[in-house]
């Protein structure tokens, strides 16, 4: 009888905790959506900020900048994340070196984003300015890649752990060496888990603000693909949009509340709503990948 009461009590507390969390999330989403409705129209979503009068008024440039930043940074981080995970799981011997590597990855994972932003500001924006162009898309992508690297690396390690040892042993029995086994058995089998980590990393990059504002800066224009002469950069050429400023939705939201007298309140909430919608779509995609993996 006591066990049943304890079980019912614990179940009720767990249900209450889950319900409270969901209700809080719905309240936040509801308030943001309610405040954002007046500004959610095509002109606001598709126009660049420079096309309208005053400060704010459109977020098309920020949407495009967010998509570019959150797409390129995981692509830069992926080879390093997969390579590190494969080395940690298949090549390094268990011992102090492995523990040191794992510890350093955990430290990088726990490093506050503002610290990585300052690192990007000093190294990428100022020291490497002749290469990156200073505040630019390249600086933002590299800084974000460093930020999401531990997330992707741990996700890849987890995916590799799911590979049945029997498959790898069968590969060795057929004459394949370690690299061939990793290439043709381990990585293909763990691909869904790697893709899940990749998609979640895109969402992490899309919502980041501190790193972006300290490395990518902000631009009221749409990114454009072109080249122009610039004596201050390497080879005397500036490559757009890679060495140029780029906008992002988190910075747009920040600007809205930093300058409340210049930007309409509804526009700031609309930018936040679009950012949340993008992150939710990315997370839903990750869930779909996991679901397909379970079905498979």
Protein backbone atom coordinates (compact mmCIF):
# COMPACT_ATOMS: atom_id res chain seq x y z
CA UNK A 1 0.00 0.00 0.00
CA UNK A 2 2.81 2.41 0.93
CA UNK A 3 4.59 1.60 -2.33
CA UNK A 4 1.46 2.44 -4.33
CA UNK A 5 1.06 5.74 -2.49
CA UNK A 6 4.73 6.64 -3.06
CA UNK A 7 4.46 5.69 -6.72
CA UNK A 8 1.30 7.77 -7.16
CA UNK A 9 2.87 10.72 -5.32
CA UNK A 10 6.01 10.64 -7.45
CA UNK A 11 3.95 10.29 -10.63
CA UNK A 12 1.82 13.27 -9.64
CA UNK A 13 4.88 15.41 -8.87
CA UNK A 14 6.47 14.47 -12.21
CA UNK A 15 3.26 15.29 -14.06
CA UNK A 16 3.00 18.63 -12.23
CA UNK A 17 6.59 19.51 -13.10
CA UNK A 18 6.09 18.63 -16.77
CA UNK A 19 2.79 20.51 -16.95
CA UNK A 20 4.30 23.59 -15.31
CA UNK A 21 7.16 23.62 -17.80
CA UNK A 22 4.81 23.32 -20.78
CA UNK A 23 2.48 26.02 -19.42
CA UNK A 24 5.38 28.44 -18.88
CA UNK A 25 6.57 27.83 -22.44
CA UNK A 26 3.09 28.36 -23.86
CA UNK A 27 2.69 31.59 -21.88
CA UNK A 28 6.01 32.90 -23.21
CA UNK A 29 5.13 31.94 -26.78
CA UNK A 30 1.65 33.40 -26.41
CA UNK A 31 2.89 36.77 -25.14
CA UNK A 32 5.54 37.01 -27.87
CA UNK A 33 3.06 36.02 -30.58
CA UNK A 34 0.43 38.50 -29.31
CA UNK A 35 2.92 41.36 -29.27
CA UNK A 36 4.36 40.37 -32.66
CA UNK A 37 1.09 40.16 -34.65
CA UNK A 38 0.94 43.86 -35.72
CA UNK A 39 4.33 43.59 -37.43
CA UNK A 40 4.08 40.13 -38.95
CA UNK A 41 3.48 40.98 -42.61
CA UNK A 42 5.37 40.24 -45.82
CA UNK A 43 6.98 43.67 -46.18
CA UNK A 44 8.45 43.42 -42.69
CA UNK A 45 9.69 39.86 -43.24
CA UNK A 46 11.04 40.18 -46.79
CA UNK A 47 12.45 43.73 -46.92
CA UNK A 48 15.91 44.72 -45.72
CA UNK A 49 16.22 47.35 -43.02
CA UNK A 50 17.84 49.84 -45.40
CA UNK A 51 14.73 49.81 -47.63
CA UNK A 52 12.53 51.39 -44.96
CA UNK A 53 12.75 54.76 -43.26
CA UNK A 54 14.36 55.09 -39.85
CA UNK A 55 15.85 52.39 -37.64
CA UNK A 56 14.21 48.97 -37.79
CA UNK A 57 11.11 48.44 -39.88
CA UNK A 58 12.19 45.20 -41.59
CA UNK A 59 14.10 42.02 -40.76
CA UNK A 60 14.64 40.35 -44.14
CA UNK A 61 18.38 41.03 -43.99
CA UNK A 62 18.55 39.59 -40.46
CA UNK A 63 16.66 36.44 -41.46
CA UNK A 64 19.02 35.81 -44.37
CA UNK A 65 22.07 36.56 -42.21
CA UNK A 66 20.88 34.18 -39.50
CA UNK A 67 20.34 31.38 -42.02
CA UNK A 68 23.80 31.90 -43.53
CA UNK A 69 25.58 32.04 -40.16
CA UNK A 70 23.75 29.04 -38.72
CA UNK A 71 24.35 26.98 -41.87
CA UNK A 72 28.01 27.72 -42.58
CA UNK A 73 29.27 27.41 -38.99
CA UNK A 74 28.18 23.75 -38.56
CA UNK A 75 29.69 22.94 -41.96
CA UNK A 76 33.01 24.36 -40.75
CA UNK A 77 32.79 22.53 -37.41
CA UNK A 78 31.65 19.14 -38.80
CA UNK A 79 35.03 17.80 -40.07
CA UNK A 80 36.76 18.73 -36.81
CA UNK A 81 33.94 17.28 -34.69
CA UNK A 82 33.79 13.98 -36.58
CA UNK A 83 37.59 13.68 -36.71
CA UNK A 84 37.91 14.32 -32.97
CA UNK A 85 35.11 11.87 -32.12
CA UNK A 86 36.62 9.12 -34.31
CA UNK A 87 40.03 9.65 -32.73
CA UNK A 88 38.57 9.59 -29.21
CA UNK A 89 36.57 6.42 -29.82
CA UNK A 90 38.70 4.38 -32.21
CA UNK A 91 42.34 5.42 -31.99
CA UNK A 92 43.31 6.93 -28.65
CA UNK A 93 44.20 4.51 -25.88
CA UNK A 94 42.41 4.74 -22.56
CA UNK A 95 44.53 6.59 -20.06
CA UNK A 96 45.60 10.03 -18.93
CA UNK A 97 45.83 11.39 -22.49
CA UNK A 98 42.27 10.33 -23.29
CA UNK A 99 41.04 11.75 -20.00
CA UNK A 100 42.86 15.03 -20.68
CA UNK A 101 41.33 15.32 -24.15
CA UNK A 102 37.86 14.58 -22.80
CA UNK A 103 38.33 17.11 -20.00
CA UNK A 104 39.42 19.85 -22.41
CA UNK A 105 36.41 19.18 -24.64
CA UNK A 106 34.15 19.51 -21.60
CA UNK A 107 35.86 22.78 -20.68
CA UNK A 108 35.29 24.11 -24.20
CA UNK A 109 31.66 23.01 -23.99
CA UNK A 110 31.19 24.86 -20.70
CA UNK A 111 32.98 28.04 -21.76
CA UNK A 112 30.54 30.99 -21.69
CA UNK A 113 29.67 32.29 -25.14
CA UNK A 114 30.73 35.83 -24.16
CA UNK A 115 34.27 34.52 -23.56
CA UNK A 116 34.37 32.94 -27.01
CA UNK A 117 32.97 36.19 -28.37
CA UNK A 118 35.81 38.18 -26.81
CA UNK A 119 38.31 35.67 -28.18
CA UNK A 120 36.78 36.11 -31.63
CA UNK A 121 36.86 39.91 -31.23
CA UNK A 122 40.56 39.97 -30.34
CA UNK A 123 41.86 37.26 -32.67
CA UNK A 124 39.49 37.18 -35.64
CA UNK A 125 38.34 40.80 -35.79
CA UNK A 126 41.54 42.65 -34.87
CA UNK A 127 44.60 40.40 -35.23
CA UNK A 128 43.41 38.59 -38.37
CA UNK A 129 41.62 41.59 -39.88
CA UNK A 130 43.64 41.51 -43.14
CA UNK A 131 42.25 38.01 -43.73
CA UNK A 132 38.77 38.11 -42.19
CA UNK A 133 37.95 41.75 -42.91
CA UNK A 134 37.34 42.51 -39.23
CA UNK A 135 33.67 42.35 -38.27
CA UNK A 136 32.49 39.97 -40.96
CA UNK A 137 30.72 36.80 -41.93
CA UNK A 138 33.98 34.83 -41.78
CA UNK A 139 34.68 35.97 -38.22
CA UNK A 140 31.15 35.11 -37.12
CA UNK A 141 31.20 31.68 -38.78
CA UNK A 142 34.55 30.67 -37.27
CA UNK A 143 33.56 31.87 -33.78
CA UNK A 144 30.23 30.05 -33.95
CA UNK A 145 31.98 26.92 -35.24
CA UNK A 146 34.18 26.93 -32.13
CA UNK A 147 31.08 27.41 -29.97
CA UNK A 148 29.15 24.43 -31.40
CA UNK A 149 32.14 22.14 -31.92
CA UNK A 150 31.83 20.36 -28.52
CA UNK A 151 28.09 19.77 -29.08
CA UNK A 152 28.71 18.10 -32.42
CA UNK A 153 31.69 16.14 -31.11
CA UNK A 154 29.76 14.66 -28.17
CA UNK A 155 26.81 13.86 -30.42
CA UNK A 156 29.11 12.04 -32.83
CA UNK A 157 30.72 10.07 -30.00
CA UNK A 158 27.27 8.99 -28.82
CA UNK A 159 26.33 7.95 -32.36
CA UNK A 160 29.53 5.92 -32.74
CA UNK A 161 28.78 4.11 -29.46
CA UNK A 162 25.52 2.82 -31.00
CA UNK A 163 27.35 0.87 -33.73
CA UNK A 164 27.14 -2.88 -32.94
CA UNK A 165 30.59 -4.39 -32.34
CA UNK A 166 29.54 -7.43 -34.38
CA UNK A 167 29.40 -5.33 -37.55
CA UNK A 168 32.89 -3.95 -37.03
CA UNK A 169 34.28 -7.38 -36.13
CA UNK A 170 32.71 -8.81 -39.27
CA UNK A 171 34.41 -6.09 -41.30
CA UNK A 172 37.78 -6.97 -39.76
CA UNK A 173 37.13 -10.66 -40.42
CA UNK A 174 36.60 -9.89 -44.12
CA UNK A 175 40.03 -8.28 -44.32
CA UNK A 176 39.21 -4.59 -43.86
CA UNK A 177 41.60 -2.46 -41.85
CA UNK A 178 40.56 0.02 -39.15
CA UNK A 179 40.15 3.01 -41.46
CA UNK A 180 38.12 1.00 -43.99
CA UNK A 181 35.90 -0.27 -41.19
CA UNK A 182 35.34 3.26 -39.89
CA UNK A 183 34.70 4.59 -43.40
CA UNK A 184 32.34 1.87 -44.65
CA UNK A 185 30.73 0.57 -41.42
CA UNK A 186 31.05 2.86 -38.38
CA UNK A 187 30.31 6.26 -39.92
CA UNK A 188 27.48 5.15 -42.26
CA UNK A 189 25.75 3.31 -39.39
CA UNK A 190 26.03 6.35 -37.08
CA UNK A 191 25.07 8.85 -39.78
CA UNK A 192 21.59 9.56 -38.36
CA UNK A 193 23.05 10.42 -34.96
CA UNK A 194 25.65 12.66 -36.57
CA UNK A 195 22.94 14.43 -38.60
CA UNK A 196 20.91 14.94 -35.42
CA UNK A 197 23.87 16.65 -33.78
CA UNK A 198 24.39 18.72 -36.90
CA UNK A 199 20.79 19.94 -36.94
CA UNK A 200 20.84 20.76 -33.22
CA UNK A 201 24.08 22.68 -33.75
CA UNK A 202 22.37 24.75 -36.43
CA UNK A 203 19.70 25.68 -33.89
CA UNK A 204 22.37 26.54 -31.31
CA UNK A 205 24.14 28.80 -33.79
CA UNK A 206 20.90 30.47 -34.89
CA UNK A 207 20.00 31.62 -31.39
CA UNK A 208 23.45 32.87 -30.36
CA UNK A 209 23.86 36.61 -29.85
CA UNK A 210 27.02 37.39 -27.84
CA UNK A 211 29.40 35.71 -30.28
CA UNK A 212 27.67 37.21 -33.31
CA UNK A 213 27.61 40.81 -32.09
CA UNK A 214 31.33 40.65 -31.21
CA UNK A 215 32.46 39.07 -34.48
CA UNK A 216 29.92 39.49 -37.30
CA UNK A 217 28.74 42.99 -36.37
CA UNK A 218 25.52 44.13 -38.03
CA UNK A 219 24.43 45.29 -41.48
CA UNK A 220 21.17 46.82 -42.71
CA UNK A 221 21.76 45.38 -46.18
CA UNK A 222 21.11 41.97 -47.67
CA UNK A 223 24.32 39.93 -48.12
CA UNK A 224 25.56 40.17 -51.71
CA UNK A 225 28.06 38.15 -53.68
CA UNK A 226 30.74 40.32 -55.29
CA UNK A 227 34.39 41.43 -55.14
CA UNK A 228 35.83 44.91 -54.63
CA UNK A 229 39.29 46.42 -54.30
CA UNK A 230 40.50 47.04 -50.74
CA UNK A 231 44.15 47.78 -49.96
CA UNK A 232 43.75 46.92 -46.28
CA UNK A 233 42.92 43.25 -46.94
CA UNK A 234 45.03 40.33 -48.10
CA UNK A 235 45.53 40.29 -51.90
CA UNK A 236 43.95 43.76 -52.04
CA UNK A 237 40.48 42.32 -52.68
CA UNK A 238 37.39 42.22 -50.47
CA UNK A 239 35.14 39.23 -50.99
CA UNK A 240 31.47 39.88 -50.27
CA UNK A 241 29.66 38.72 -48.18
CA UNK A 242 32.44 36.71 -46.48
CA UNK A 243 34.55 39.71 -45.46
CA UNK A 244 31.60 42.02 -44.90
CA UNK A 245 29.25 42.75 -42.00
CA UNK A 246 26.19 40.55 -41.68
CA UNK A 247 22.95 40.91 -39.70
CA UNK A 248 21.35 38.33 -37.41
CA UNK A 249 17.97 38.05 -35.69
CA UNK A 250 19.32 37.92 -32.10
CA UNK A 251 21.06 41.24 -32.70
CA UNK A 252 17.89 42.68 -34.23
CA UNK A 253 15.98 41.76 -31.07
CA UNK A 254 18.73 43.28 -28.94
CA UNK A 255 18.69 46.51 -30.95
CA UNK A 256 14.93 46.76 -30.55
CA UNK A 257 15.10 46.79 -26.77
CA UNK A 258 18.34 48.79 -26.68
CA UNK A 259 16.73 51.64 -28.62
CA UNK A 260 13.03 51.49 -27.61
CA UNK A 261 12.45 55.08 -28.75
CA UNK A 262 13.64 54.29 -32.28
CA UNK A 263 12.23 50.80 -32.85
CA UNK A 264 8.60 49.85 -32.44
CA UNK A 265 7.98 47.35 -29.63
CA UNK A 266 5.98 45.08 -31.91
CA UNK A 267 8.88 44.81 -34.38
CA UNK A 268 11.20 43.53 -31.67
CA UNK A 269 8.70 40.88 -30.63
CA UNK A 270 8.14 39.97 -34.29
CA UNK A 271 11.88 39.39 -34.75
CA UNK A 272 11.91 37.26 -31.59
CA UNK A 273 8.90 35.30 -32.83
CA UNK A 274 10.57 34.56 -36.19
CA UNK A 275 13.76 33.47 -34.40
CA UNK A 276 11.79 31.13 -32.14
CA UNK A 277 9.95 29.74 -35.17
CA UNK A 278 13.26 29.01 -36.91
CA UNK A 279 14.70 27.28 -33.83
CA UNK A 280 11.51 25.25 -33.36
CA UNK A 281 11.61 24.16 -36.99
CA UNK A 282 15.24 23.08 -36.61
CA UNK A 283 14.46 21.12 -33.42
CA UNK A 284 11.45 19.48 -35.11
CA UNK A 285 13.76 18.39 -37.93
CA UNK A 286 16.13 16.84 -35.38
CA UNK A 287 13.21 15.01 -33.77
CA UNK A 288 12.17 13.70 -37.18
CA UNK A 289 15.66 12.38 -37.81
CA UNK A 290 15.68 10.60 -34.43
CA UNK A 291 12.20 9.18 -35.11
CA UNK A 292 13.25 7.85 -38.52
CA UNK A 293 16.33 6.35 -36.91
CA UNK A 294 14.22 4.49 -34.35
CA UNK A 295 11.85 3.24 -37.02
CA UNK A 296 14.81 2.06 -39.07
